[in-house]
Amino acid sequence: MWHCPGEHLVIFRRYVINGATGIDQTRYQICRSATDKAVKGRIAHPLEVRHHPFYIFSYFFDRAVDAKLVDAEHGGAMTVQSYVRAAEKLCADELFQPRQPFLCMDLCILSSFLEVGYMFAPDTALITLKTIAGKEATWSLGATFNLISET
C-alpha cells in the first residue's frame, strides 16, 4: 500500500491462484461447475441463431488454435462439443501444459458460454477465422455476422 500527498490512497491486494493438480479427470468437473455457475442466467439466449452455424472469433479462435481444434492460419469448423471434449482432455494432469496454465479454465468458460449461456446444442456448428478480407475479426463480429449474412 502506498500514498502520495494530494493523491488518493491506493490499496493493492494480492491474490494467490492455485491450480488443482493431482485430481486428474475431476479437474474438468470442478472447473466447469464453477464456470457454468458464473455464466448461468447472465447471457441472453439468441433464439434466432441457435439452429444455424455460429461464427466465433477473437478469444474463441485463439483457444481453438491452442487446443488444436482448428488451423492457426485458416481457422475452421467445429462443434460446441469440440470445446467440451478439448476441455475434458486438456484438464487431465498428463496433458497439463506449463506454458499455457489457464487453457483448461479458458476452454471450460468458453464451453460454458456456448452451452449454458447461449444454450447451443452440443452439435451446433461453429465457424472460426482469424481474419476476414485481410482484417482481424473481433469478438463483436461473431454476434452480428450471422444476421448480416441473412439480409
C-alpha atoms as a PDB file:
ATOM      1  CA  MET A   1       0.000   0.000   0.000  1.00  0.00           C
ATOM      2  CA  TRP A   2       1.309   3.482  -0.793  1.00  0.00           C
ATOM      3  CA  HIS A   3       0.104   7.037  -0.561  1.00  0.00           C
ATOM      4  CA  CYS A   4       1.322  10.233  -2.191  1.00  0.00           C
ATOM      5  CA  PRO A   5       0.419  13.618  -0.696  1.00  0.00           C
ATOM      6  CA  GLY A   6      -2.546  15.134  -2.534  1.00  0.00           C
ATOM      7  CA  GLU A   7      -3.422  11.808  -4.220  1.00  0.00           C
ATOM      8  CA  HIS A   8      -5.940   9.107  -3.482  1.00  0.00           C
ATOM      9  CA  LEU A   9      -4.976   6.231  -1.250  1.00  0.00           C
ATOM     10  CA  VAL A  10      -4.214   3.188  -3.388  1.00  0.00           C
ATOM     11  CA  ILE A  11      -4.573  -0.257  -1.874  1.00  0.00           C
ATOM     12  CA  PHE A  12      -3.017  -3.222  -3.598  1.00  0.00           C
ATOM     13  CA  ARG A  13      -4.423  -6.664  -2.991  1.00  0.00           C
ATOM     14  CA  ARG A  14      -2.502  -9.818  -3.551  1.00  0.00           C
ATOM     15  CA  TYR A  15      -4.348 -12.782  -4.983  1.00  0.00           C
ATOM     16  CA  VAL A  16      -2.912 -16.253  -4.871  1.00  0.00           C
ATOM     17  CA  ILE A  17      -4.093 -18.661  -7.538  1.00  0.00           C
ATOM     18  CA  ASN A  18      -3.544 -22.360  -7.030  1.00  0.00           C
ATOM     19  CA  GLY A  19      -4.095 -24.990  -9.658  1.00  0.00           C
ATOM     20  CA  ALA A  20      -5.938 -28.214  -8.984  1.00  0.00           C
ATOM     21  CA  THR A  21      -3.253 -30.810  -9.608  1.00  0.00           C
ATOM     22  CA  GLY A  22      -3.280 -34.495  -8.812  1.00  0.00           C
ATOM     23  CA  ILE A  23      -7.017 -34.842  -9.290  1.00  0.00           C
ATOM     24  CA  ASP A  24      -6.884 -35.985 -12.912  1.00  0.00           C
ATOM     25  CA  GLN A  25     -10.297 -36.138 -14.596  1.00  0.00           C
ATOM     26  CA  THR A  26     -12.165 -34.366 -11.801  1.00  0.00           C
ATOM     27  CA  ARG A  27     -10.354 -31.068 -12.577  1.00  0.00           C
ATOM     28  CA  TYR A  28     -12.675 -30.630 -15.550  1.00  0.00           C
ATOM     29  CA  GLN A  29     -15.816 -31.163 -13.457  1.00  0.00           C
ATOM     30  CA  ILE A  30     -14.615 -28.715 -10.762  1.00  0.00           C
ATOM     31  CA  CYS A  31     -13.660 -26.007 -13.269  1.00  0.00           C
ATOM     32  CA  ARG A  32     -16.705 -26.493 -15.470  1.00  0.00           C
ATOM     33  CA  SER A  33     -19.054 -26.359 -12.486  1.00  0.00           C
ATOM     34  CA  ALA A  34     -17.537 -23.022 -11.459  1.00  0.00           C
ATOM     35  CA  THR A  35     -17.720 -21.552 -14.969  1.00  0.00           C
ATOM     36  CA  ASP A  36     -21.296 -22.780 -15.503  1.00  0.00           C
ATOM     37  CA  LYS A  37     -22.307 -21.075 -12.256  1.00  0.00           C
ATOM     38  CA  ALA A  38     -20.616 -17.820 -13.335  1.00  0.00           C
ATOM     39  CA  VAL A  39     -22.384 -17.799 -16.726  1.00  0.00           C
ATOM     40  CA  LYS A  40     -25.841 -19.203 -15.887  1.00  0.00           C
ATOM     41  CA  GLY A  41     -28.635 -16.672 -16.316  1.00  0.00           C
ATOM     42  CA  ARG A  42     -26.341 -13.823 -17.359  1.00  0.00           C
ATOM     43  CA  ILE A  43     -26.460 -14.080 -21.148  1.00  0.00           C
ATOM     44  CA  ALA A  44     -29.377 -13.504 -23.497  1.00  0.00           C
ATOM     45  CA  HIS A  45     -30.318 -16.628 -25.436  1.00  0.00           C
ATOM     46  CA  PRO A  46     -30.169 -15.774 -29.140  1.00  0.00           C
ATOM     47  CA  LEU A  47     -33.021 -17.924 -30.428  1.00  0.00           C
ATOM     48  CA  GLU A  48     -32.638 -16.667 -33.984  1.00  0.00           C
ATOM     49  CA  VAL A  49     -29.149 -18.162 -34.338  1.00  0.00           C
ATOM     50  CA  ARG A  50     -29.485 -21.266 -32.189  1.00  0.00           C
ATOM     51  CA  HIS A  51     -30.101 -23.585 -35.148  1.00  0.00           C
ATOM     52  CA  HIS A  52     -27.626 -22.048 -37.574  1.00  0.00           C
ATOM     53  CA  PRO A  53     -23.858 -22.231 -37.782  1.00  0.00           C
ATOM     54  CA  PHE A  54     -22.445 -19.630 -35.406  1.00  0.00           C
ATOM     55  CA  TYR A  55     -19.333 -17.615 -36.178  1.00  0.00           C
ATOM     56  CA  ILE A  56     -16.867 -17.222 -33.318  1.00  0.00           C
ATOM     57  CA  PHE A  57     -13.798 -15.008 -33.290  1.00  0.00           C
ATOM     58  CA  SER A  58     -11.116 -13.471 -31.137  1.00  0.00           C
ATOM     59  CA  TYR A  59     -10.500 -15.393 -27.911  1.00  0.00           C
ATOM     60  CA  PHE A  60     -12.658 -18.310 -29.085  1.00  0.00           C
ATOM     61  CA  PHE A  61     -10.393 -18.566 -32.131  1.00  0.00           C
ATOM     62  CA  ASP A  62      -7.188 -18.305 -30.077  1.00  0.00           C
ATOM     63  CA  ARG A  63      -8.231 -21.049 -27.659  1.00  0.00           C
ATOM     64  CA  ALA A  64      -9.425 -23.288 -30.513  1.00  0.00           C
ATOM     65  CA  VAL A  65      -5.955 -22.972 -32.058  1.00  0.00           C
ATOM     66  CA  ASP A  66      -4.254 -23.688 -28.710  1.00  0.00           C
ATOM     67  CA  ALA A  67      -6.441 -26.777 -28.285  1.00  0.00           C
ATOM     68  CA  LYS A  68      -5.580 -27.838 -31.848  1.00  0.00           C
ATOM     69  CA  LEU A  69      -9.215 -27.728 -32.925  1.00  0.00           C
ATOM     70  CA  VAL A  70      -8.513 -25.513 -35.956  1.00  0.00           C
ATOM     71  CA  ASP A  71      -5.594 -24.342 -38.067  1.00  0.00           C
ATOM     72  CA  ALA A  72      -3.891 -21.144 -36.853  1.00  0.00           C
ATOM     73  CA  GLU A  73      -3.809 -19.616 -40.327  1.00  0.00           C
ATOM     74  CA  HIS A  74      -7.072 -20.754 -41.879  1.00  0.00           C
ATOM     75  CA  GLY A  75      -9.365 -21.316 -38.903  1.00  0.00           C
ATOM     76  CA  GLY A  76     -12.029 -23.913 -39.484  1.00  0.00           C
ATOM     77  CA  ALA A  77     -15.257 -25.522 -38.428  1.00  0.00           C
ATOM     78  CA  MET A  78     -16.050 -27.450 -35.263  1.00  0.00           C
ATOM     79  CA  THR A  79     -18.942 -28.018 -32.882  1.00  0.00           C
ATOM     80  CA  VAL A  80     -19.736 -26.874 -29.368  1.00  0.00           C
ATOM     81  CA  GLN A  81     -18.931 -30.415 -28.265  1.00  0.00           C
ATOM     82  CA  SER A  82     -15.414 -29.929 -29.667  1.00  0.00           C
ATOM     83  CA  TYR A  83     -14.731 -27.316 -26.979  1.00  0.00           C
ATOM     84  CA  VAL A  84     -16.140 -29.602 -24.292  1.00  0.00           C
ATOM     85  CA  ARG A  85     -14.032 -32.583 -25.372  1.00  0.00           C
ATOM     86  CA  ALA A  86     -10.920 -30.402 -25.626  1.00  0.00           C
ATOM     87  CA  ALA A  87     -11.514 -29.075 -22.104  1.00  0.00           C
ATOM     88  CA  GLU A  88     -12.015 -32.583 -20.703  1.00  0.00           C
ATOM     89  CA  LYS A  89      -8.835 -33.759 -22.399  1.00  0.00           C
ATOM     90  CA  LEU A  90      -6.615 -30.778 -21.589  1.00  0.00           C
ATOM     91  CA  CYS A  91      -7.728 -30.591 -17.959  1.00  0.00           C
ATOM     92  CA  ALA A  92      -6.226 -34.024 -17.286  1.00  0.00           C
ATOM     93  CA  ASP A  93      -2.921 -33.958 -15.382  1.00  0.00           C
ATOM     94  CA  GLU A  94      -0.932 -35.761 -18.054  1.00  0.00           C
ATOM     95  CA  LEU A  95      -1.755 -33.107 -20.652  1.00  0.00           C
ATOM     96  CA  PHE A  96      -1.241 -30.054 -18.447  1.00  0.00           C
ATOM     97  CA  GLN A  97       0.886 -27.500 -20.335  1.00  0.00           C
ATOM     98  CA  PRO A  98       3.031 -25.215 -18.120  1.00  0.00           C
ATOM     99  CA  ARG A  99       3.317 -22.698 -20.998  1.00  0.00           C
ATOM    100  CA  GLN A 100      -0.487 -22.416 -21.029  1.00  0.00           C
ATOM    101  CA  PRO A 101      -1.552 -22.862 -17.395  1.00  0.00           C
ATOM    102  CA  PHE A 102      -5.029 -21.385 -17.943  1.00  0.00           C
ATOM    103  CA  LEU A 103      -6.011 -23.351 -21.063  1.00  0.00           C
ATOM    104  CA  CYS A 104      -8.183 -25.762 -19.054  1.00  0.00           C
ATOM    105  CA  MET A 105     -10.075 -22.886 -17.436  1.00  0.00           C
ATOM    106  CA  ASP A 106     -10.340 -20.956 -20.707  1.00  0.00           C
ATOM    107  CA  LEU A 107     -11.858 -23.924 -22.538  1.00  0.00           C
ATOM    108  CA  CYS A 108     -14.249 -24.553 -19.647  1.00  0.00           C
ATOM    109  CA  ILE A 109     -15.512 -20.987 -19.619  1.00  0.00           C
ATOM    110  CA  LEU A 110     -15.872 -20.884 -23.401  1.00  0.00           C
ATOM    111  CA  SER A 111     -17.794 -24.167 -23.244  1.00  0.00           C
ATOM    112  CA  SER A 112     -19.997 -22.662 -20.525  1.00  0.00           C
ATOM    113  CA  PHE A 113     -20.667 -19.584 -22.660  1.00  0.00           C
ATOM    114  CA  LEU A 114     -21.703 -21.757 -25.587  1.00  0.00           C
ATOM    115  CA  GLU A 115     -23.757 -24.406 -23.756  1.00  0.00           C
ATOM    116  CA  VAL A 116     -25.081 -22.682 -20.632  1.00  0.00           C
ATOM    117  CA  GLY A 117     -25.024 -19.044 -21.694  1.00  0.00           C
ATOM    118  CA  TYR A 118     -26.119 -19.200 -25.322  1.00  0.00           C
ATOM    119  CA  MET A 119     -27.814 -22.581 -24.843  1.00  0.00           C
ATOM    120  CA  PHE A 120     -26.393 -24.051 -28.041  1.00  0.00           C
ATOM    121  CA  ALA A 121     -26.783 -27.799 -28.536  1.00  0.00           C
ATOM    122  CA  PRO A 122     -23.570 -29.866 -28.439  1.00  0.00           C
ATOM    123  CA  ASP A 123     -23.786 -30.424 -32.212  1.00  0.00           C
ATOM    124  CA  THR A 124     -24.159 -26.723 -33.084  1.00  0.00           C
ATOM    125  CA  ALA A 125     -21.731 -25.878 -35.872  1.00  0.00           C
ATOM    126  CA  LEU A 126     -19.123 -23.223 -35.053  1.00  0.00           C
ATOM    127  CA  ILE A 127     -17.022 -21.472 -37.659  1.00  0.00           C
ATOM    128  CA  THR A 128     -13.942 -19.528 -36.691  1.00  0.00           C
ATOM    129  CA  LEU A 129     -11.474 -17.392 -38.594  1.00  0.00           C
ATOM    130  CA  LYS A 130      -8.658 -15.063 -37.598  1.00  0.00           C
ATOM    131  CA  THR A 131      -9.253 -12.612 -40.433  1.00  0.00           C
ATOM    132  CA  ILE A 132     -11.949 -11.731 -42.963  1.00  0.00           C
ATOM    133  CA  ALA A 133     -10.833  -9.992 -46.150  1.00  0.00           C
ATOM    134  CA  GLY A 134      -7.449  -9.335 -44.549  1.00  0.00           C
ATOM    135  CA  LYS A 135      -8.889  -7.658 -41.440  1.00  0.00           C
ATOM    136  CA  GLU A 136      -8.681  -9.225 -37.994  1.00  0.00           C
ATOM    137  CA  ALA A 137     -12.101 -10.336 -36.785  1.00  0.00           C
ATOM    138  CA  THR A 138     -13.159  -9.111 -33.348  1.00  0.00           C
ATOM    139  CA  TRP A 139     -15.484 -10.784 -30.842  1.00  0.00           C
ATOM    140  CA  SER A 140     -18.396  -8.465 -31.592  1.00  0.00           C
ATOM    141  CA  LEU A 141     -18.402  -9.525 -35.217  1.00  0.00           C
ATOM    142  CA  GLY A 142     -19.379 -13.053 -34.165  1.00  0.00           C
ATOM    143  CA  ALA A 143     -22.594 -11.798 -32.634  1.00  0.00           C
ATOM    144  CA  THR A 144     -23.700  -9.948 -35.775  1.00  0.00           C
ATOM    145  CA  PHE A 145     -22.163 -11.868 -38.683  1.00  0.00           C
ATOM    146  CA  ASN A 146     -24.976 -14.410 -38.990  1.00  0.00           C
ATOM    147  CA  LEU A 147     -27.695 -11.753 -39.012  1.00  0.00           C
ATOM    148  CA  ILE A 148     -25.886  -9.642 -41.606  1.00  0.00           C
ATOM    149  CA  SER A 149     -25.287 -12.619 -43.891  1.00  0.00           C
ATOM    150  CA  GLU A 150     -29.031 -13.413 -43.918  1.00  0.00           C
ATOM    151  CA  THR A 151     -30.046  -9.971 -45.257  1.00  0.00           C
END
